[in-house]
Amino acid sequence: RYNMLLLGYLPNFFPRLAERIKDDWYPFFSR
């Protein structure tokens, strides 16, 4: 199940922060 506040709205409010998130952080990406 996705956390849409993290995956959808965080990148719109803080796009530069989203670019620094590494996608081996499995809990963040529901993986």
All heavy atoms as atom14 arrays in JSON, in Angstrom:
{
  "sequence": "RYNMLLLGYLPNFFPRLAERIKDDWYPFFSR",
  "atom14_mask": [
    [1, 1, 1, 1, 1, 1, 1, 1, 1, 1, 1, 0, 0, 0],
    [1, 1, 1, 1, 1, 1, 1, 1, 1, 1, 1, 1, 0, 0],
    [1, 1, 1, 1, 1, 1, 1, 1, 0, 0, 0, 0, 0, 0],
    [1, 1, 1, 1, 1, 1, 1, 1, 0, 0, 0, 0, 0, 0],
    [1, 1, 1, 1, 1, 1, 1, 1, 0, 0, 0, 0, 0, 0],
    [1, 1, 1, 1, 1, 1, 1, 1, 0, 0, 0, 0, 0, 0],
    [1, 1, 1, 1, 1, 1, 1, 1, 0, 0, 0, 0, 0, 0],
    [1, 1, 1, 1, 0, 0, 0, 0, 0, 0, 0, 0, 0, 0],
    [1, 1, 1, 1, 1, 1, 1, 1, 1, 1, 1, 1, 0, 0],
    [1, 1, 1, 1, 1, 1, 1, 1, 0, 0, 0, 0, 0, 0],
    [1, 1, 1, 1, 1, 1, 1, 0, 0, 0, 0, 0, 0, 0],
    [1, 1, 1, 1, 1, 1, 1, 1, 0, 0, 0, 0, 0, 0],
    [1, 1, 1, 1, 1, 1, 1, 1, 1, 1, 1, 0, 0, 0],
    [1, 1, 1, 1, 1, 1, 1, 1, 1, 1, 1, 0, 0, 0],
    [1, 1, 1, 1, 1, 1, 1, 0, 0, 0, 0, 0, 0, 0],
    [1, 1, 1, 1, 1, 1, 1, 1, 1, 1, 1, 0, 0, 0],
    [1, 1, 1, 1, 1, 1, 1, 1, 0, 0, 0, 0, 0, 0],
    [1, 1, 1, 1, 1, 0, 0, 0, 0, 0, 0, 0, 0, 0],
    [1, 1, 1, 1, 1, 1, 1, 1, 1, 0, 0, 0, 0, 0],
    [1, 1, 1, 1, 1, 1, 1, 1, 1, 1, 1, 0, 0, 0],
    [1, 1, 1, 1, 1, 1, 1, 1, 0, 0, 0, 0, 0, 0],
    [1, 1, 1, 1, 1, 1, 1, 1, 1, 0, 0, 0, 0, 0],
    [1, 1, 1, 1, 1, 1, 1, 1, 0, 0, 0, 0, 0, 0],
    [1, 1, 1, 1, 1, 1, 1, 1, 0, 0, 0, 0, 0, 0],
    [1, 1, 1, 1, 1, 1, 1, 1, 1, 1, 1, 1, 1, 1],
    [1, 1, 1, 1, 1, 1, 1, 1, 1, 1, 1, 1, 0, 0],
    [1, 1, 1, 1, 1, 1, 1, 0, 0, 0, 0, 0, 0, 0],
    [1, 1, 1, 1, 1, 1, 1, 1, 1, 1, 1, 0, 0, 0],
    [1, 1, 1, 1, 1, 1, 1, 1, 1, 1, 1, 0, 0, 0],
    [1, 1, 1, 1, 1, 1, 0, 0, 0, 0, 0, 0, 0, 0],
    [1, 1, 1, 1, 1, 1, 1, 1, 1, 1, 1, 0, 0, 0]
  ],
  "atom14_positions": [
    [[0.83, -1.21, 0.0], [0.0, 0.0, 0.0], [0.86, 1.26, 0.0], [1.78, 1.4, 0.81], [-0.92, 0.0, 1.22], [-1.88, 1.17, 1.26], [-2.79, 1.08, 2.48], [-3.7, 2.22, 2.52], [-4.59, 2.42, 3.47], [-4.68, 1.54, 4.48], [-5.38, 3.47, 3.45], [0.0, 0.0, 0.0], [0.0, 0.0, 0.0], [0.0, 0.0, 0.0]],
    [[0.57, 2.19, -0.9], [1.36, 3.4, -1.03], [0.95, 4.46, 0.0], [-0.24, 4.62, 0.29], [1.2, 4.02, -2.42], [1.49, 3.09, -3.57], [0.78, 3.19, -4.76], [2.46, 2.11, -3.48], [1.03, 2.35, -5.82], [2.73, 1.26, -4.53], [2.0, 1.38, -5.71], [2.24, 0.53, -6.76], [0.0, 0.0, 0.0], [0.0, 0.0, 0.0]],
    [[1.95, 5.18, 0.49], [1.69, 6.38, 1.29], [1.7, 7.57, 0.33], [2.76, 8.07, -0.02], [2.76, 6.54, 2.38], [2.46, 7.7, 3.33], [1.89, 8.71, 2.93], [2.84, 7.53, 4.58], [0.0, 0.0, 0.0], [0.0, 0.0, 0.0], [0.0, 0.0, 0.0], [0.0, 0.0, 0.0], [0.0, 0.0, 0.0], [0.0, 0.0, 0.0]],
    [[0.51, 8.0, -0.1], [0.43, 9.02, -1.13], [0.87, 10.4, -0.65], [1.25, 11.25, -1.44], [-0.98, 9.09, -1.71], [-1.36, 7.85, -2.52], [-0.16, 7.46, -3.83], [-0.35, 8.9, -4.89], [0.0, 0.0, 0.0], [0.0, 0.0, 0.0], [0.0, 0.0, 0.0], [0.0, 0.0, 0.0], [0.0, 0.0, 0.0], [0.0, 0.0, 0.0]],
    [[0.85, 10.62, 0.68], [1.39, 11.88, 1.18], [2.88, 11.97, 0.89], [3.4, 13.03, 0.53], [1.12, 12.01, 2.69], [-0.32, 12.32, 3.08], [-0.47, 12.26, 4.61], [-0.73, 13.7, 2.57], [0.0, 0.0, 0.0], [0.0, 0.0, 0.0], [0.0, 0.0, 0.0], [0.0, 0.0, 0.0], [0.0, 0.0, 0.0], [0.0, 0.0, 0.0]],
    [[3.58, 10.83, 1.02], [5.02, 10.81, 0.75], [5.31, 10.73, -0.74], [6.2, 11.44, -1.23], [5.66, 9.62, 1.47], [5.62, 9.61, 3.0], [6.27, 8.34, 3.54], [6.32, 10.85, 3.57], [0.0, 0.0, 0.0], [0.0, 0.0, 0.0], [0.0, 0.0, 0.0], [0.0, 0.0, 0.0], [0.0, 0.0, 0.0], [0.0, 0.0, 0.0]],
    [[4.57, 9.87, -1.45], [4.89, 9.63, -2.85], [4.25, 10.66, -3.79], [4.75, 10.88, -4.89], [4.42, 8.22, -3.26], [5.11, 7.05, -2.56], [4.58, 5.74, -3.09], [6.62, 7.12, -2.76], [0.0, 0.0, 0.0], [0.0, 0.0, 0.0], [0.0, 0.0, 0.0], [0.0, 0.0, 0.0], [0.0, 0.0, 0.0], [0.0, 0.0, 0.0]],
    [[3.15, 11.28, -3.38], [2.45, 12.21, -4.27], [2.64, 13.67, -3.94], [2.91, 14.49, -4.81], [0.0, 0.0, 0.0], [0.0, 0.0, 0.0], [0.0, 0.0, 0.0], [0.0, 0.0, 0.0], [0.0, 0.0, 0.0], [0.0, 0.0, 0.0], [0.0, 0.0, 0.0], [0.0, 0.0, 0.0], [0.0, 0.0, 0.0], [0.0, 0.0, 0.0]],
    [[2.5, 14.01, -2.66], [2.47, 15.42, -2.3], [3.84, 15.96, -1.87], [4.16, 17.12, -2.15], [1.43, 15.65, -1.21], [0.07, 15.15, -1.66], [-0.56, 14.09, -1.05], [-0.54, 15.73, -2.78], [-1.78, 13.62, -1.52], [-1.75, 15.27, -3.25], [-2.37, 14.21, -2.61], [-3.57, 13.74, -3.08], [0.0, 0.0, 0.0], [0.0, 0.0, 0.0]],
    [[4.64, 15.14, -1.23], [5.99, 15.57, -0.86], [6.78, 16.08, -2.06], [7.37, 17.17, -2.01], [6.74, 14.41, -0.18], [8.24, 14.63, 0.07], [8.45, 15.69, 1.14], [8.92, 13.32, 0.48], [0.0, 0.0, 0.0], [0.0, 0.0, 0.0], [0.0, 0.0, 0.0], [0.0, 0.0, 0.0], [0.0, 0.0, 0.0], [0.0, 0.0, 0.0]],
    [[6.81, 15.35, -3.19], [7.59, 15.83, -4.34], [7.06, 17.14, -4.92], [7.84, 17.91, -5.49], [7.46, 14.7, -5.36], [7.09, 13.51, -4.56], [6.24, 14.02, -3.47], [0.0, 0.0, 0.0], [0.0, 0.0, 0.0], [0.0, 0.0, 0.0], [0.0, 0.0, 0.0], [0.0, 0.0, 0.0], [0.0, 0.0, 0.0], [0.0, 0.0, 0.0]],
    [[5.75, 17.4, -4.8], [5.21, 18.65, -5.33], [5.57, 19.84, -4.44], [5.86, 20.92, -4.94], [3.69, 18.53, -5.47], [3.29, 17.81, -6.74], [3.46, 18.33, -7.83], [2.79, 16.58, -6.6], [0.0, 0.0, 0.0], [0.0, 0.0, 0.0], [0.0, 0.0, 0.0], [0.0, 0.0, 0.0], [0.0, 0.0, 0.0], [0.0, 0.0, 0.0]],
    [[5.55, 19.64, -3.13], [5.9, 20.72, -2.21], [7.41, 20.91, -2.09], [7.91, 22.03, -1.95], [5.31, 20.46, -0.83], [3.82, 20.67, -0.75], [2.97, 19.64, -0.41], [3.27, 21.92, -1.03], [1.6, 19.82, -0.34], [1.91, 22.12, -0.95], [1.06, 21.08, -0.6], [0.0, 0.0, 0.0], [0.0, 0.0, 0.0], [0.0, 0.0, 0.0]],
    [[8.16, 19.79, -2.13], [9.61, 19.84, -1.92], [10.32, 19.03, -3.01], [10.9, 17.97, -2.74], [9.96, 19.28, -0.53], [9.2, 19.91, 0.59], [8.15, 19.23, 1.21], [9.51, 21.2, 1.03], [7.43, 19.8, 2.24], [8.8, 21.79, 2.07], [7.76, 21.09, 2.68], [0.0, 0.0, 0.0], [0.0, 0.0, 0.0], [0.0, 0.0, 0.0]],
    [[10.3, 19.49, -4.27], [10.87, 18.71, -5.37], [12.35, 18.44, -5.23], [12.82, 17.36, -5.6], [10.57, 19.58, -6.6], [10.3, 20.96, -6.07], [9.72, 20.77, -4.72], [0.0, 0.0, 0.0], [0.0, 0.0, 0.0], [0.0, 0.0, 0.0], [0.0, 0.0, 0.0], [0.0, 0.0, 0.0], [0.0, 0.0, 0.0], [0.0, 0.0, 0.0]],
    [[13.11, 19.39, -4.68], [14.55, 19.16, -4.54], [14.84, 18.09, -3.5], [15.8, 17.31, -3.63], [15.25, 20.46, -4.18], [15.22, 21.49, -5.33], [15.99, 22.73, -4.98], [15.96, 23.69, -6.08], [16.54, 24.89, -6.03], [17.19, 25.27, -4.95], [16.45, 25.7, -7.08], [0.0, 0.0, 0.0], [0.0, 0.0, 0.0], [0.0, 0.0, 0.0]],
    [[14.02, 18.04, -2.45], [14.18, 17.0, -1.44], [13.9, 15.63, -2.05], [14.63, 14.66, -1.8], [13.23, 17.26, -0.27], [13.18, 16.17, 0.81], [14.55, 15.98, 1.47], [12.12, 16.51, 1.86], [0.0, 0.0, 0.0], [0.0, 0.0, 0.0], [0.0, 0.0, 0.0], [0.0, 0.0, 0.0], [0.0, 0.0, 0.0], [0.0, 0.0, 0.0]],
    [[12.86, 15.55, -2.87], [12.5, 14.27, -3.5], [13.63, 13.74, -4.37], [13.85, 12.52, -4.43], [11.23, 14.44, -4.32], [0.0, 0.0, 0.0], [0.0, 0.0, 0.0], [0.0, 0.0, 0.0], [0.0, 0.0, 0.0], [0.0, 0.0, 0.0], [0.0, 0.0, 0.0], [0.0, 0.0, 0.0], [0.0, 0.0, 0.0], [0.0, 0.0, 0.0]],
    [[14.37, 14.63, -5.03], [15.46, 14.21, -5.9], [16.62, 13.59, -5.12], [17.44, 12.89, -5.7], [15.96, 15.39, -6.73], [15.0, 15.81, -7.85], [15.64, 16.78, -8.82], [16.82, 17.13, -8.62], [14.97, 17.19, -9.78], [0.0, 0.0, 0.0], [0.0, 0.0, 0.0], [0.0, 0.0, 0.0], [0.0, 0.0, 0.0], [0.0, 0.0, 0.0]],
    [[16.67, 13.87, -3.81], [17.79, 13.34, -3.01], [17.45, 12.02, -2.31], [18.3, 11.43, -1.65], [18.22, 14.39, -1.98], [18.92, 15.6, -2.6], [19.66, 16.39, -1.54], [18.76, 17.17, -0.7], [18.37, 18.42, -0.97], [18.82, 19.02, -2.06], [17.58, 19.06, -0.15], [0.0, 0.0, 0.0], [0.0, 0.0, 0.0], [0.0, 0.0, 0.0]],
    [[16.21, 11.56, -2.47], [15.81, 10.32, -1.82], [16.25, 9.13, -2.67], [15.94, 9.05, -3.86], [14.28, 10.3, -1.6], [13.89, 11.39, -0.59], [13.82, 8.93, -1.11], [12.41, 11.54, -0.39], [0.0, 0.0, 0.0], [0.0, 0.0, 0.0], [0.0, 0.0, 0.0], [0.0, 0.0, 0.0], [0.0, 0.0, 0.0], [0.0, 0.0, 0.0]],
    [[16.95, 8.18, -2.05], [17.44, 7.0, -2.75], [16.39, 5.91, -2.72], [15.74, 5.68, -1.69], [18.74, 6.5, -2.12], [19.89, 7.5, -2.19], [20.22, 7.85, -3.64], [21.38, 8.84, -3.73], [21.64, 9.22, -5.15], [0.0, 0.0, 0.0], [0.0, 0.0, 0.0], [0.0, 0.0, 0.0], [0.0, 0.0, 0.0], [0.0, 0.0, 0.0]],
    [[16.23, 5.21, -3.85], [15.14, 4.24, -3.94], [15.51, 2.85, -3.47], [14.8, 1.89, -3.77], [14.56, 4.21, -5.36], [15.55, 3.74, -6.41], [16.66, 3.35, -6.05], [15.2, 3.77, -7.61], [0.0, 0.0, 0.0], [0.0, 0.0, 0.0], [0.0, 0.0, 0.0], [0.0, 0.0, 0.0], [0.0, 0.0, 0.0], [0.0, 0.0, 0.0]],
    [[16.59, 2.72, -2.7], [16.84, 1.46, -1.98], [16.28, 1.53, -0.56], [16.49, 0.62, 0.24], [18.32, 1.11, -1.96], [19.18, 2.2, -1.32], [18.63, 3.25, -0.91], [20.41, 2.01, -1.24], [0.0, 0.0, 0.0], [0.0, 0.0, 0.0], [0.0, 0.0, 0.0], [0.0, 0.0, 0.0], [0.0, 0.0, 0.0], [0.0, 0.0, 0.0]],
    [[15.56, 2.6, -0.27], [14.86, 2.76, 1.01], [13.48, 2.12, 0.83], [12.49, 2.77, 0.56], [14.76, 4.25, 1.35], [14.15, 4.54, 2.69], [13.89, 3.66, 3.7], [13.72, 5.83, 3.14], [13.32, 4.3, 4.76], [13.21, 5.64, 4.45], [13.74, 7.11, 2.59], [12.7, 6.71, 5.2], [13.24, 8.16, 3.33], [12.73, 7.96, 4.62]],
    [[13.43, 0.79, 0.96], [12.25, 0.02, 0.59], [10.98, 0.4, 1.36], [9.9, 0.43, 0.76], [12.53, -1.48, 0.74], [13.62, -2.01, -0.15], [14.4, -3.09, 0.23], [13.87, -1.43, -1.4], [15.41, -3.58, -0.59], [14.87, -1.91, -2.22], [15.64, -2.98, -1.82], [16.63, -3.47, -2.64], [0.0, 0.0, 0.0], [0.0, 0.0, 0.0]],
    [[11.03, 0.7, 2.67], [9.79, 1.08, 3.35], [9.13, 2.32, 2.76], [7.9, 2.39, 2.65], [10.24, 1.31, 4.8], [11.5, 0.53, 4.94], [12.16, 0.61, 3.6], [0.0, 0.0, 0.0], [0.0, 0.0, 0.0], [0.0, 0.0, 0.0], [0.0, 0.0, 0.0], [0.0, 0.0, 0.0], [0.0, 0.0, 0.0], [0.0, 0.0, 0.0]],
    [[9.92, 3.29, 2.37], [9.4, 4.54, 1.81], [8.62, 4.27, 0.53], [7.57, 4.87, 0.28], [10.56, 5.49, 1.54], [10.13, 6.87, 1.09], [9.94, 7.88, 2.0], [9.93, 7.14, -0.27], [9.55, 9.16, 1.58], [9.54, 8.4, -0.69], [9.35, 9.41, 0.24], [0.0, 0.0, 0.0], [0.0, 0.0, 0.0], [0.0, 0.0, 0.0]],
    [[9.12, 3.34, -0.29], [8.52, 3.06, -1.59], [7.6, 1.83, -1.59], [7.24, 1.34, -2.65], [9.62, 2.87, -2.64], [10.39, 4.12, -2.94], [11.59, 4.39, -2.29], [9.92, 5.03, -3.87], [12.3, 5.55, -2.58], [10.62, 6.19, -4.16], [11.82, 6.45, -3.51], [0.0, 0.0, 0.0], [0.0, 0.0, 0.0], [0.0, 0.0, 0.0]],
    [[7.25, 1.34, -0.41], [6.32, 0.2, -0.29], [6.86, -1.04, -1.01], [6.12, -1.74, -1.7], [4.94, 0.56, -0.84], [4.42, 1.7, -0.2], [0.0, 0.0, 0.0], [0.0, 0.0, 0.0], [0.0, 0.0, 0.0], [0.0, 0.0, 0.0], [0.0, 0.0, 0.0], [0.0, 0.0, 0.0], [0.0, 0.0, 0.0], [0.0, 0.0, 0.0]],
    [[8.15, -1.33, -0.8], [8.78, -2.45, -1.49], [9.55, -3.35, -0.53], [10.64, -3.84, -0.85], [9.72, -1.92, -2.58], [9.04, -1.65, -3.91], [8.43, -2.91, -4.48], [7.92, -2.72, -5.84], [7.29, -3.64, -6.54], [7.06, -4.82, -6.0], [6.86, -3.39, -7.75], [0.0, 0.0, 0.0], [0.0, 0.0, 0.0], [0.0, 0.0, 0.0]]
  ]
}
